[in-house]
PDB file of N, CA and C in Angstrom:
ATOM      1  N   GLN A   1      -3.661  15.132   5.389  1.00  0.00           N
ATOM      2  CA  GLN A   1      -3.004  13.684   5.976  1.00  0.00           C
ATOM      3  C   GLN A   1      -2.704  12.979   4.927  1.00  0.00           C
ATOM      4  N   VAL A   2      -1.421  12.043   5.333  1.00  0.00           N
ATOM      5  CA  VAL A   2      -1.120  11.207   4.159  1.00  0.00           C
ATOM      6  C   VAL A   2      -1.077   9.792   4.677  1.00  0.00           C
ATOM      7  N   GLN A   3      -1.629   8.856   3.695  1.00  0.00           N
ATOM      8  CA  GLN A   3      -1.742   7.388   3.974  1.00  0.00           C
ATOM      9  C   GLN A   3      -0.837   6.581   3.153  1.00  0.00           C
ATOM     10  N   LEU A   4       0.009   5.703   3.503  1.00  0.00           N
ATOM     11  CA  LEU A   4       0.891   4.790   3.049  1.00  0.00           C
ATOM     12  C   LEU A   4       0.423   3.305   3.084  1.00  0.00           C
ATOM     13  N   VAL A   5       0.418   2.906   1.941  1.00  0.00           N
ATOM     14  CA  VAL A   5      -0.363   1.571   2.034  1.00  0.00           C
ATOM     15  C   VAL A   5       0.521   0.379   1.160  1.00  0.00           C
ATOM     16  N   GLU A   6       1.142  -0.314   2.192  1.00  0.00           N
ATOM     17  CA  GLU A   6       2.047  -1.314   1.562  1.00  0.00           C
ATOM     18  C   GLU A   6       1.346  -2.789   1.052  1.00  0.00           C
ATOM     19  N   SER A   7       2.114  -3.359  -0.034  1.00  0.00           N
ATOM     20  CA  SER A   7       1.594  -4.622  -0.339  1.00  0.00           C
ATOM     21  C   SER A   7       2.768  -5.654  -0.590  1.00  0.00           C
ATOM     22  N   GLY A   8       2.546  -6.683  -0.987  1.00  0.00           N
ATOM     23  CA  GLY A   8       3.132  -7.659  -1.465  1.00  0.00           C
ATOM     24  C   GLY A   8       4.211  -8.496  -0.667  1.00  0.00           C
ATOM     25  N   GLY A   9       4.021  -8.326   0.545  1.00  0.00           N
ATOM     26  CA  GLY A   9       4.733  -9.557   1.215  1.00  0.00           C
ATOM     27  C   GLY A   9       3.987 -10.734   1.337  1.00  0.00           C
ATOM     28  N   GLY A  10       4.787 -11.828   2.063  1.00  0.00           N
ATOM     29  CA  GLY A  10       4.006 -13.143   2.078  1.00  0.00           C
ATOM     30  C   GLY A  10       5.311 -14.031   2.598  1.00  0.00           C
ATOM     31  N   LEU A  11       4.969 -15.623   2.068  1.00  0.00           N
ATOM     32  CA  LEU A  11       6.013 -16.514   2.816  1.00  0.00           C
ATOM     33  C   LEU A  11       6.713 -16.929   1.303  1.00  0.00           C
ATOM     34  N   VAL A  12       7.917 -17.078   1.054  1.00  0.00           N
ATOM     35  CA  VAL A  12       8.618 -17.331   0.304  1.00  0.00           C
ATOM     36  C   VAL A  12       9.919 -18.324   0.798  1.00  0.00           C
ATOM     37  N   GLN A  13      10.312 -19.335  -0.058  1.00  0.00           N
ATOM     38  CA  GLN A  13      11.389 -20.057   0.272  1.00  0.00           C
ATOM     39  C   GLN A  13      12.633 -19.381  -0.058  1.00  0.00           C
ATOM     40  N   ALA A  14      13.644 -19.728   0.978  1.00  0.00           N
ATOM     41  CA  ALA A  14      15.067 -19.213   0.476  1.00  0.00           C
ATOM     42  C   ALA A  14      15.460 -19.143  -0.613  1.00  0.00           C
ATOM     43  N   GLY A  15      15.879 -18.014  -1.261  1.00  0.00           N
ATOM     44  CA  GLY A  15      16.602 -18.365  -2.729  1.00  0.00           C
ATOM     45  C   GLY A  15      15.301 -17.549  -3.521  1.00  0.00           C
ATOM     46  N   GLY A  16      14.161 -17.196  -3.418  1.00  0.00           N
ATOM     47  CA  GLY A  16      13.073 -16.894  -3.812  1.00  0.00           C
ATOM     48  C   GLY A  16      13.303 -15.241  -4.074  1.00  0.00           C
ATOM     49  N   SER A  17      12.026 -14.872  -4.304  1.00  0.00           N
ATOM     50  CA  SER A  17      12.035 -13.443  -4.786  1.00  0.00           C
ATOM     51  C   SER A  17      10.670 -12.910  -4.304  1.00  0.00           C
ATOM     52  N   LEU A  18      10.476 -11.661  -4.215  1.00  0.00           N
ATOM     53  CA  LEU A  18       9.192 -11.120  -3.602  1.00  0.00           C
ATOM     54  C   LEU A  18       9.172  -9.347  -3.917  1.00  0.00           C
ATOM     55  N   ARG A  19       8.113  -8.816  -4.347  1.00  0.00           N
ATOM     56  CA  ARG A  19       8.300  -7.220  -4.728  1.00  0.00           C
ATOM     57  C   ARG A  19       7.162  -6.648  -3.583  1.00  0.00           C
ATOM     58  N   LEU A  20       7.801  -5.849  -2.961  1.00  0.00           N
ATOM     59  CA  LEU A  20       7.055  -5.147  -2.256  1.00  0.00           C
ATOM     60  C   LEU A  20       6.448  -3.464  -2.922  1.00  0.00           C
ATOM     61  N   SER A  21       5.394  -3.126  -2.652  1.00  0.00           N
ATOM     62  CA  SER A  21       5.020  -1.913  -3.226  1.00  0.00           C
ATOM     63  C   SER A  21       4.378  -1.045  -1.870  1.00  0.00           C
ATOM     64  N   CYS A  22       4.620   0.150  -2.171  1.00  0.00           N
ATOM     65  CA  CYS A  22       4.088   1.332  -1.161  1.00  0.00           C
ATOM     66  C   CYS A  22       3.561   2.193  -1.998  1.00  0.00           C
ATOM     67  N   ALA A  23       2.503   2.759  -1.515  1.00  0.00           N
ATOM     68  CA  ALA A  23       1.721   3.812  -2.455  1.00  0.00           C
ATOM     69  C   ALA A  23       1.253   4.911  -1.591  1.00  0.00           C
ATOM     70  N   ALA A  24       1.490   6.120  -1.802  1.00  0.00           N
ATOM     71  CA  ALA A  24       1.113   6.832  -0.899  1.00  0.00           C
ATOM     72  C   ALA A  24       0.197   8.151  -1.428  1.00  0.00           C
ATOM     73  N   SER A  25      -0.887   8.674  -0.357  1.00  0.00           N
ATOM     74  CA  SER A  25      -2.120   9.304  -1.066  1.00  0.00           C
ATOM     75  C   SER A  25      -2.114   9.882  -0.026  1.00  0.00           C
ATOM     76  N   GLY A  26      -3.241  11.188  -0.570  1.00  0.00           N
ATOM     77  CA  GLY A  26      -3.395  12.171   0.390  1.00  0.00           C
ATOM     78  C   GLY A  26      -3.065  13.584  -0.021  1.00  0.00           C
ATOM     79  N   SER A  27      -2.640  14.503   1.137  1.00  0.00           N
ATOM     80  CA  SER A  27      -2.353  15.695   0.453  1.00  0.00           C
ATOM     81  C   SER A  27      -0.820  15.837   0.542  1.00  0.00           C
ATOM     82  N   ILE A  28      -0.388  15.276  -0.839  1.00  0.00           N
ATOM     83  CA  ILE A  28       0.724  15.610  -1.287  1.00  0.00           C
ATOM     84  C   ILE A  28       1.273  16.638  -2.090  1.00  0.00           C
ATOM     85  N   PHE A  29       2.357  17.451  -1.813  1.00  0.00           N
ATOM     86  CA  PHE A  29       2.972  18.518  -2.837  1.00  0.00           C
ATOM     87  C   PHE A  29       4.091  17.865  -3.511  1.00  0.00           C
ATOM     88  N   GLY A  30       4.697  17.052  -2.628  1.00  0.00           N
ATOM     89  CA  GLY A  30       6.027  16.110  -3.367  1.00  0.00           C
ATOM     90  C   GLY A  30       6.456  15.083  -2.407  1.00  0.00           C
ATOM     91  N   ILE A  31       7.269  14.173  -2.895  1.00  0.00           N
ATOM     92  CA  ILE A  31       7.647  13.118  -1.698  1.00  0.00           C
ATOM     93  C   ILE A  31       9.373  13.399  -2.037  1.00  0.00           C
ATOM     94  N   ASN A  32       9.944  13.556  -0.973  1.00  0.00           N
ATOM     95  CA  ASN A  32      11.414  13.682  -1.106  1.00  0.00           C
ATOM     96  C   ASN A  32      12.248  12.627  -1.262  1.00  0.00           C
ATOM     97  N   VAL A  33      12.054  11.860   0.191  1.00  0.00           N
ATOM     98  CA  VAL A  33      12.610  10.415   0.222  1.00  0.00           C
ATOM     99  C   VAL A  33      11.659   9.402   0.629  1.00  0.00           C
ATOM    100  N   MET A  34      12.003   8.122  -0.213  1.00  0.00           N
ATOM    101  CA  MET A  34      10.943   7.156   0.344  1.00  0.00           C
ATOM    102  C   MET A  34      11.979   5.921   0.845  1.00  0.00           C
ATOM    103  N   ASN A  35      11.429   5.231   1.911  1.00  0.00           N
ATOM    104  CA  ASN A  35      12.417   4.435   2.537  1.00  0.00           C
ATOM    105  C   ASN A  35      11.707   3.032   2.487  1.00  0.00           C
ATOM    106  N   TRP A  36      12.563   2.055   2.600  1.00  0.00           N
ATOM    107  CA  TRP A  36      11.805   0.726   3.231  1.00  0.00           C
ATOM    108  C   TRP A  36      12.797   0.556   4.387  1.00  0.00           C
ATOM    109  N   TYR A  37      12.029   0.197   5.561  1.00  0.00           N
ATOM    110  CA  TYR A  37      12.719  -0.295   6.855  1.00  0.00           C
ATOM    111  C   TYR A  37      12.007  -1.684   7.198  1.00  0.00           C
ATOM    112  N   ARG A  38      13.045  -2.639   7.836  1.00  0.00           N
ATOM    113  CA  ARG A  38      12.155  -3.624   8.460  1.00  0.00           C
ATOM    114  C   ARG A  38      12.558  -3.880  10.274  1.00  0.00           C
ATOM    115  N   GLN A  39      11.839  -5.023  10.683  1.00  0.00           N
ATOM    116  CA  GLN A  39      11.888  -5.067  11.941  1.00  0.00           C
ATOM    117  C   GLN A  39      11.726  -6.528  12.377  1.00  0.00           C
ATOM    118  N   ALA A  40      12.938  -7.161  12.617  1.00  0.00           N
ATOM    119  CA  ALA A  40      12.716  -8.499  13.188  1.00  0.00           C
ATOM    120  C   ALA A  40      12.344  -8.543  14.380  1.00  0.00           C
ATOM    121  N   PRO A  41      11.792  -9.904  14.652  1.00  0.00           N
ATOM    122  CA  PRO A  41      11.321 -10.087  16.337  1.00  0.00           C
ATOM    123  C   PRO A  41      12.552 -10.072  17.288  1.00  0.00           C
ATOM    124  N   GLY A  42      12.317  -9.056  18.054  1.00  0.00           N
ATOM    125  CA  GLY A  42      13.535  -8.939  19.156  1.00  0.00           C
ATOM    126  C   GLY A  42      14.540  -7.867  18.639  1.00  0.00           C
ATOM    127  N   LYS A  43      14.407  -7.377  17.661  1.00  0.00           N
ATOM    128  CA  LYS A  43      15.568  -6.542  16.918  1.00  0.00           C
ATOM    129  C   LYS A  43      14.874  -5.151  17.046  1.00  0.00           C
ATOM    130  N   GLU A  44      15.978  -4.139  16.563  1.00  0.00           N
ATOM    131  CA  GLU A  44      15.686  -2.579  16.198  1.00  0.00           C
ATOM    132  C   GLU A  44      15.054  -2.820  14.695  1.00  0.00           C
ATOM    133  N   ARG A  45      14.243  -1.648  14.503  1.00  0.00           N
ATOM    134  CA  ARG A  45      13.952  -1.425  13.306  1.00  0.00           C
ATOM    135  C   ARG A  45      15.053  -0.936  12.398  1.00  0.00           C
ATOM    136  N   GLU A  46      15.376  -1.378  11.433  1.00  0.00           N
ATOM    137  CA  GLU A  46      16.664  -1.011  10.358  1.00  0.00           C
ATOM    138  C   GLU A  46      16.268  -0.724   9.001  1.00  0.00           C
ATOM    139  N   LEU A  47      17.062   0.464   8.708  1.00  0.00           N
ATOM    140  CA  LEU A  47      16.788   1.013   7.362  1.00  0.00           C
ATOM    141  C   LEU A  47      17.338   0.124   6.167  1.00  0.00           C
ATOM    142  N   VAL A  48      16.504  -0.510   5.210  1.00  0.00           N
ATOM    143  CA  VAL A  48      16.848  -1.395   4.343  1.00  0.00           C
ATOM    144  C   VAL A  48      17.354  -0.683   3.154  1.00  0.00           C
ATOM    145  N   ALA A  49      16.788   0.075   2.517  1.00  0.00           N
ATOM    146  CA  ALA A  49      16.966   0.728   1.143  1.00  0.00           C
ATOM    147  C   ALA A  49      16.052   2.271   1.382  1.00  0.00           C
ATOM    148  N   ALA A  50      16.852   3.434   0.523  1.00  0.00           N
ATOM    149  CA  ALA A  50      16.287   4.772   0.504  1.00  0.00           C
ATOM    150  C   ALA A  50      16.412   4.975  -0.638  1.00  0.00           C
ATOM    151  N   ILE A  51      15.491   6.029  -1.243  1.00  0.00           N
ATOM    152  CA  ILE A  51      15.715   6.640  -2.646  1.00  0.00           C
ATOM    153  C   ILE A  51      15.247   7.899  -2.772  1.00  0.00           C
ATOM    154  N   SER A  52      15.924   8.657  -3.155  1.00  0.00           N
ATOM    155  CA  SER A  52      15.581  10.336  -3.175  1.00  0.00           C
ATOM    156  C   SER A  52      14.415  10.451  -4.637  1.00  0.00           C
ATOM    157  N   SER A  53      14.181  11.877  -4.712  1.00  0.00           N
ATOM    158  CA  SER A  53      13.240  12.536  -5.546  1.00  0.00           C
ATOM    159  C   SER A  53      13.998  12.354  -6.398  1.00  0.00           C
ATOM    160  N   GLY A  54      15.322  12.308  -6.665  1.00  0.00           N
ATOM    161  CA  GLY A  54      16.326  12.513  -7.884  1.00  0.00           C
ATOM    162  C   GLY A  54      16.793  11.099  -8.324  1.00  0.00           C
ATOM    163  N   ASP A  55      16.211  10.018  -7.536  1.00  0.00           N
ATOM    164  CA  ASP A  55      16.413   8.573  -7.835  1.00  0.00           C
ATOM    165  C   ASP A  55      17.888   8.314  -7.414  1.00  0.00           C
ATOM    166  N   ASN A  56      18.393   8.694  -6.217  1.00  0.00           N
ATOM    167  CA  ASN A  56      19.756   8.412  -5.734  1.00  0.00           C
ATOM    168  C   ASN A  56      19.350   7.430  -4.595  1.00  0.00           C
ATOM    169  N   THR A  57      20.102   6.369  -4.475  1.00  0.00           N
ATOM    170  CA  THR A  57      19.680   4.979  -3.559  1.00  0.00           C
ATOM    171  C   THR A  57      20.860   4.928  -2.522  1.00  0.00           C
ATOM    172  N   ASN A  58      20.251   3.962  -1.719  1.00  0.00           N
ATOM    173  CA  ASN A  58      21.162   3.784  -0.641  1.00  0.00           C
ATOM    174  C   ASN A  58      20.724   2.473  -0.094  1.00  0.00           C
ATOM    175  N   TYR A  59      21.563   1.609   0.401  1.00  0.00           N
ATOM    176  CA  TYR A  59      21.048   0.306   0.546  1.00  0.00           C
ATOM    177  C   TYR A  59      21.804  -0.127   1.902  1.00  0.00           C
ATOM    178  N   ALA A  60      21.214  -0.783   3.042  1.00  0.00           N
ATOM    179  CA  ALA A  60      22.112  -1.594   3.732  1.00  0.00           C
ATOM    180  C   ALA A  60      22.974  -2.754   3.045  1.00  0.00           C
ATOM    181  N   ASP A  61      24.011  -2.978   3.656  1.00  0.00           N
ATOM    182  CA  ASP A  61      24.992  -3.640   3.591  1.00  0.00           C
ATOM    183  C   ASP A  61      24.622  -5.229   3.349  1.00  0.00           C
ATOM    184  N   SER A  62      23.584  -5.310   4.088  1.00  0.00           N
ATOM    185  CA  SER A  62      23.069  -6.906   4.172  1.00  0.00           C
ATOM    186  C   SER A  62      22.082  -7.079   2.979  1.00  0.00           C
ATOM    187  N   VAL A  63      21.947  -6.185   2.062  1.00  0.00           N
ATOM    188  CA  VAL A  63      20.915  -6.433   0.880  1.00  0.00           C
ATOM    189  C   VAL A  63      21.677  -5.870  -0.090  1.00  0.00           C
ATOM    190  N   LYS A  64      22.527  -5.277  -0.225  1.00  0.00           N
ATOM    191  CA  LYS A  64      23.176  -4.568  -1.368  1.00  0.00           C
ATOM    192  C   LYS A  64      23.627  -5.679  -2.269  1.00  0.00           C
ATOM    193  N   GLY A  65      22.980  -5.742  -3.535  1.00  0.00           N
ATOM    194  CA  GLY A  65      23.326  -7.238  -4.646  1.00  0.00           C
ATOM    195  C   GLY A  65      22.305  -7.760  -4.890  1.00  0.00           C
ATOM    196  N   ARG A  66      21.426  -7.443  -3.616  1.00  0.00           N
ATOM    197  CA  ARG A  66      20.201  -8.519  -3.663  1.00  0.00           C
ATOM    198  C   ARG A  66      18.760  -7.813  -4.008  1.00  0.00           C
ATOM    199  N   PHE A  67      18.868  -6.402  -3.031  1.00  0.00           N
ATOM    200  CA  PHE A  67      17.511  -5.642  -3.072  1.00  0.00           C
ATOM    201  C   PHE A  67      17.564  -4.656  -4.138  1.00  0.00           C
ATOM    202  N   THR A  68      16.425  -4.244  -4.752  1.00  0.00           N
ATOM    203  CA  THR A  68      16.671  -2.818  -5.549  1.00  0.00           C
ATOM    204  C   THR A  68      15.209  -2.271  -5.171  1.00  0.00           C
ATOM    205  N   ILE A  69      15.583  -0.658  -4.912  1.00  0.00           N
ATOM    206  CA  ILE A  69      14.286   0.158  -4.868  1.00  0.00           C
ATOM    207  C   ILE A  69      14.220   1.072  -5.793  1.00  0.00           C
ATOM    208  N   SER A  70      13.023   1.350  -6.292  1.00  0.00           N
ATOM    209  CA  SER A  70      12.795   2.133  -7.219  1.00  0.00           C
ATOM    210  C   SER A  70      11.690   2.842  -6.984  1.00  0.00           C
ATOM    211  N   ARG A  71      11.121   3.943  -7.584  1.00  0.00           N
ATOM    212  CA  ARG A  71      10.010   4.785  -7.410  1.00  0.00           C
ATOM    213  C   ARG A  71       9.248   5.451  -8.517  1.00  0.00           C
ATOM    214  N   ASP A  72       8.102   5.584  -8.540  1.00  0.00           N
ATOM    215  CA  ASP A  72       7.382   5.969  -9.787  1.00  0.00           C
ATOM    216  C   ASP A  72       6.579   7.351  -9.062  1.00  0.00           C
ATOM    217  N   ASN A  73       7.223   8.517  -9.403  1.00  0.00           N
ATOM    218  CA  ASN A  73       6.854   9.648  -9.152  1.00  0.00           C
ATOM    219  C   ASN A  73       5.488  10.187  -9.210  1.00  0.00           C
ATOM    220  N   ASN A  74       5.027   9.511 -10.236  1.00  0.00           N
ATOM    221  CA  ASN A  74       3.623  10.178 -11.085  1.00  0.00           C
ATOM    222  C   ASN A  74       2.742   9.426  -9.835  1.00  0.00           C
ATOM    223  N   LYS A  75       2.731   8.330  -9.751  1.00  0.00           N
ATOM    224  CA  LYS A  75       2.090   7.325  -8.787  1.00  0.00           C
ATOM    225  C   LYS A  75       2.358   7.487  -7.440  1.00  0.00           C
ATOM    226  N   ASN A  76       3.215   8.322  -6.922  1.00  0.00           N
ATOM    227  CA  ASN A  76       3.605   8.250  -5.492  1.00  0.00           C
ATOM    228  C   ASN A  76       3.806   6.823  -4.978  1.00  0.00           C
ATOM    229  N   THR A  77       4.547   6.003  -5.801  1.00  0.00           N
ATOM    230  CA  THR A  77       4.764   4.764  -5.192  1.00  0.00           C
ATOM    231  C   THR A  77       6.334   4.509  -5.213  1.00  0.00           C
ATOM    232  N   VAL A  78       6.626   3.378  -4.210  1.00  0.00           N
ATOM    233  CA  VAL A  78       7.898   2.943  -4.177  1.00  0.00           C
ATOM    234  C   VAL A  78       8.099   1.419  -4.104  1.00  0.00           C
ATOM    235  N   HIS A  79       8.788   0.689  -4.718  1.00  0.00           N
ATOM    236  CA  HIS A  79       8.947  -0.810  -4.827  1.00  0.00           C
ATOM    237  C   HIS A  79      10.179  -1.017  -4.186  1.00  0.00           C
ATOM    238  N   LEU A  80      10.169  -2.218  -3.608  1.00  0.00           N
ATOM    239  CA  LEU A  80      11.300  -2.928  -3.063  1.00  0.00           C
ATOM    240  C   LEU A  80      11.411  -4.363  -3.953  1.00  0.00           C
ATOM    241  N   GLN A  81      12.205  -4.598  -4.857  1.00  0.00           N
ATOM    242  CA  GLN A  81      12.242  -5.953  -5.429  1.00  0.00           C
ATOM    243  C   GLN A  81      13.371  -6.725  -4.749  1.00  0.00           C
ATOM    244  N   MET A  82      13.078  -7.930  -4.048  1.00  0.00           N
ATOM    245  CA  MET A  82      13.843  -8.555  -3.169  1.00  0.00           C
ATOM    246  C   MET A  82      14.137  -9.872  -3.592  1.00  0.00           C
ATOM    247  N   ASN A  83      15.433 -10.173  -4.051  1.00  0.00           N
ATOM    248  CA  ASN A  83      15.840 -11.373  -4.871  1.00  0.00           C
ATOM    249  C   ASN A  83      16.835 -12.281  -3.732  1.00  0.00           C
ATOM    250  N   SER A  84      16.799 -13.470  -4.208  1.00  0.00           N
ATOM    251  CA  SER A  84      18.100 -14.107  -3.060  1.00  0.00           C
ATOM    252  C   SER A  84      17.874 -14.061  -1.685  1.00  0.00           C
ATOM    253  N   LEU A  85      16.339 -14.047  -1.597  1.00  0.00           N
ATOM    254  CA  LEU A  85      15.967 -13.832  -0.156  1.00  0.00           C
ATOM    255  C   LEU A  85      16.710 -14.666   0.727  1.00  0.00           C
ATOM    256  N   LYS A  86      16.995 -14.451   1.957  1.00  0.00           N
ATOM    257  CA  LYS A  86      17.557 -15.505   3.040  1.00  0.00           C
ATOM    258  C   LYS A  86      16.668 -15.434   4.068  1.00  0.00           C
ATOM    259  N   PHE A  87      16.952 -16.564   4.919  1.00  0.00           N
ATOM    260  CA  PHE A  87      16.106 -16.500   6.177  1.00  0.00           C
ATOM    261  C   PHE A  87      16.115 -15.444   6.921  1.00  0.00           C
ATOM    262  N   GLU A  88      17.189 -14.745   7.202  1.00  0.00           N
ATOM    263  CA  GLU A  88      17.410 -13.529   8.131  1.00  0.00           C
ATOM    264  C   GLU A  88      16.818 -12.308   7.390  1.00  0.00           C
ATOM    265  N   ASP A  89      16.134 -12.237   6.179  1.00  0.00           N
ATOM    266  CA  ASP A  89      15.424 -11.165   5.737  1.00  0.00           C
ATOM    267  C   ASP A  89      14.095 -11.196   6.525  1.00  0.00           C
ATOM    268  N   THR A  90      13.720 -11.997   7.144  1.00  0.00           N
ATOM    269  CA  THR A  90      12.543 -12.270   7.592  1.00  0.00           C
ATOM    270  C   THR A  90      12.150 -11.144   8.779  1.00  0.00           C
ATOM    271  N   ALA A  91      10.958 -10.356   8.460  1.00  0.00           N
ATOM    272  CA  ALA A  91      10.601  -9.341   9.177  1.00  0.00           C
ATOM    273  C   ALA A  91       9.593  -8.712   8.621  1.00  0.00           C
ATOM    274  N   VAL A  92       8.843  -7.630   9.500  1.00  0.00           N
ATOM    275  CA  VAL A  92       8.138  -6.814   8.969  1.00  0.00           C
ATOM    276  C   VAL A  92       8.524  -5.494   8.344  1.00  0.00           C
ATOM    277  N   TYR A  93       8.277  -5.270   7.262  1.00  0.00           N
ATOM    278  CA  TYR A  93       8.935  -4.163   6.210  1.00  0.00           C
ATOM    279  C   TYR A  93       7.914  -2.958   6.140  1.00  0.00           C
ATOM    280  N   TYR A  94       8.654  -1.910   6.703  1.00  0.00           N
ATOM    281  CA  TYR A  94       7.825  -0.577   6.702  1.00  0.00           C
ATOM    282  C   TYR A  94       7.978   0.098   5.477  1.00  0.00           C
ATOM    283  N   CYS A  95       7.199   1.028   5.166  1.00  0.00           N
ATOM    284  CA  CYS A  95       7.471   1.971   3.954  1.00  0.00           C
ATOM    285  C   CYS A  95       7.452   3.364   4.873  1.00  0.00           C
ATOM    286  N   LYS A  96       8.201   4.410   4.365  1.00  0.00           N
ATOM    287  CA  LYS A  96       8.509   5.426   5.235  1.00  0.00           C
ATOM    288  C   LYS A  96       8.644   6.469   4.024  1.00  0.00           C
ATOM    289  N   ALA A  97       7.848   7.837   3.973  1.00  0.00           N
ATOM    290  CA  ALA A  97       7.789   8.760   3.173  1.00  0.00           C
ATOM    291  C   ALA A  97       8.161  10.072   3.980  1.00  0.00           C
ATOM    292  N   ILE A  98       9.051  10.751   3.436  1.00  0.00           N
ATOM    293  CA  ILE A  98       9.159  12.043   3.961  1.00  0.00           C
ATOM    294  C   ILE A  98       8.407  13.194   2.767  1.00  0.00           C
ATOM    295  N   VAL A  99       7.715  13.636   3.318  1.00  0.00           N
ATOM    296  CA  VAL A  99       6.447  14.489   2.323  1.00  0.00           C
ATOM    297  C   VAL A  99       6.711  15.890   2.501  1.00  0.00           C
ATOM    298  N   ASN A 100       6.511  16.749   1.436  1.00  0.00           N
ATOM    299  CA  ASN A 100       5.998  17.898   1.541  1.00  0.00           C
ATOM    300  C   ASN A 100       4.995  18.545   1.489  1.00  0.00           C
ATOM    301  N   GLN A 101       4.549  19.028   2.365  1.00  0.00           N
ATOM    302  CA  GLN A 101       3.139  19.513   2.394  1.00  0.00           C
ATOM    303  C   GLN A 101       3.239  21.165   2.949  1.00  0.00           C
ATOM    304  N   ARG A 102       2.923  22.128   1.819  1.00  0.00           N
ATOM    305  CA  ARG A 102       2.790  23.175   1.858  1.00  0.00           C
ATOM    306  C   ARG A 102       4.042  23.947   2.342  1.00  0.00           C
ATOM    307  N   GLY A 103       5.472  23.325   1.774  1.00  0.00           N
ATOM    308  CA  GLY A 103       6.545  24.079   2.559  1.00  0.00           C
ATOM    309  C   GLY A 103       7.485  23.370   3.276  1.00  0.00           C
ATOM    310  N   SER A 104       6.455  22.588   4.524  1.00  0.00           N
ATOM    311  CA  SER A 104       7.193  21.767   5.547  1.00  0.00           C
ATOM    312  C   SER A 104       6.890  20.367   5.265  1.00  0.00           C
ATOM    313  N   LEU A 105       8.288  19.622   5.828  1.00  0.00           N
ATOM    314  CA  LEU A 105       8.433  18.219   5.730  1.00  0.00           C
ATOM    315  C   LEU A 105       7.785  17.399   6.687  1.00  0.00           C
ATOM    316  N   TYR A 106       7.377  16.409   6.448  1.00  0.00           N
ATOM    317  CA  TYR A 106       6.674  15.501   7.301  1.00  0.00           C
ATOM    318  C   TYR A 106       6.825  14.118   7.198  1.00  0.00           C
ATOM    319  N   SER A 107       7.231  13.089   8.018  1.00  0.00           N
ATOM    320  CA  SER A 107       7.285  11.777   7.813  1.00  0.00           C
ATOM    321  C   SER A 107       6.069  11.100   8.301  1.00  0.00           C
ATOM    322  N   TYR A 108       6.009   9.898   7.018  1.00  0.00           N
ATOM    323  CA  TYR A 108       4.855   9.123   7.565  1.00  0.00           C
ATOM    324  C   TYR A 108       5.282   7.582   7.363  1.00  0.00           C
ATOM    325  N   TRP A 109       4.532   6.591   7.928  1.00  0.00           N
ATOM    326  CA  TRP A 109       4.851   5.297   7.729  1.00  0.00           C
ATOM    327  C   TRP A 109       3.540   4.537   7.652  1.00  0.00           C
ATOM    328  N   GLY A 110       3.700   3.559   6.894  1.00  0.00           N
ATOM    329  CA  GLY A 110       2.916   2.689   6.564  1.00  0.00           C
ATOM    330  C   GLY A 110       2.838   1.764   7.679  1.00  0.00           C
ATOM    331  N   GLN A 111       1.597   0.617   7.610  1.00  0.00           N
ATOM    332  CA  GLN A 111       1.326  -0.241   8.559  1.00  0.00           C
ATOM    333  C   GLN A 111       2.479  -1.470   8.622  1.00  0.00           C
ATOM    334  N   GLY A 112       3.063  -1.827   7.549  1.00  0.00           N
ATOM    335  CA  GLY A 112       3.804  -2.822   7.563  1.00  0.00           C
ATOM    336  C   GLY A 112       3.626  -3.913   6.830  1.00  0.00           C
ATOM    337  N   THR A 113       4.461  -4.927   6.238  1.00  0.00           N
ATOM    338  CA  THR A 113       3.892  -6.058   5.583  1.00  0.00           C
ATOM    339  C   THR A 113       4.955  -7.292   5.931  1.00  0.00           C
ATOM    340  N   GLN A 114       4.392  -8.383   6.371  1.00  0.00           N
ATOM    341  CA  GLN A 114       5.224  -9.293   6.660  1.00  0.00           C
ATOM    342  C   GLN A 114       5.891 -10.187   5.745  1.00  0.00           C
ATOM    343  N   VAL A 115       7.192 -10.132   5.870  1.00  0.00           N
ATOM    344  CA  VAL A 115       7.923 -11.163   4.942  1.00  0.00           C
ATOM    345  C   VAL A 115       8.536 -12.403   5.623  1.00  0.00           C
ATOM    346  N   THR A 116       8.320 -13.404   5.294  1.00  0.00           N
ATOM    347  CA  THR A 116       8.726 -14.631   5.982  1.00  0.00           C
ATOM    348  C   THR A 116       9.494 -15.508   5.037  1.00  0.00           C
ATOM    349  N   VAL A 117      10.673 -16.051   5.194  1.00  0.00           N
ATOM    350  CA  VAL A 117      11.494 -16.543   4.401  1.00  0.00           C
ATOM    351  C   VAL A 117      11.810 -18.021   5.013  1.00  0.00           C
ATOM    352  N   SER A 118      11.342 -19.042   4.466  1.00  0.00           N
ATOM    353  CA  SER A 118      11.463 -20.449   4.950  1.00  0.00           C
ATOM    354  C   SER A 118      12.937 -20.918   4.408  1.00  0.00           C
ATOM    355  N   SER A 119      13.540 -21.607   5.453  1.00  0.00           N
ATOM    356  CA  SER A 119      15.039 -21.793   5.075  1.00  0.00           C
ATOM    357  C   SER A 119      14.724 -23.505   4.741  1.00  0.00           C
TER     358      SER A 119
END
């Protein structure tokens, strides 16, 4: 079993910054892709950013130039640095990891962390 624990959410004024972290633990042979998703009230969950094991990154258009995803493979941790936050960034942010366990790939989700941006 694998556990993902997010941290770093909170309340911030528009224009401010937050840094989210997600730590994976458990039976992990390797982590292929780590992602950040978000879900605002009444909206579908959407992909915010992704990073591969080779550090290739991908961002939603709405966050390009403002958010940066990074990972520490030694610690099985992924971070999301969020700058120039906007009211519309308010959502619950979820970490997702594609984990290699004995040759098979499995998806795991964290419990989510609330990010609230006040206008």
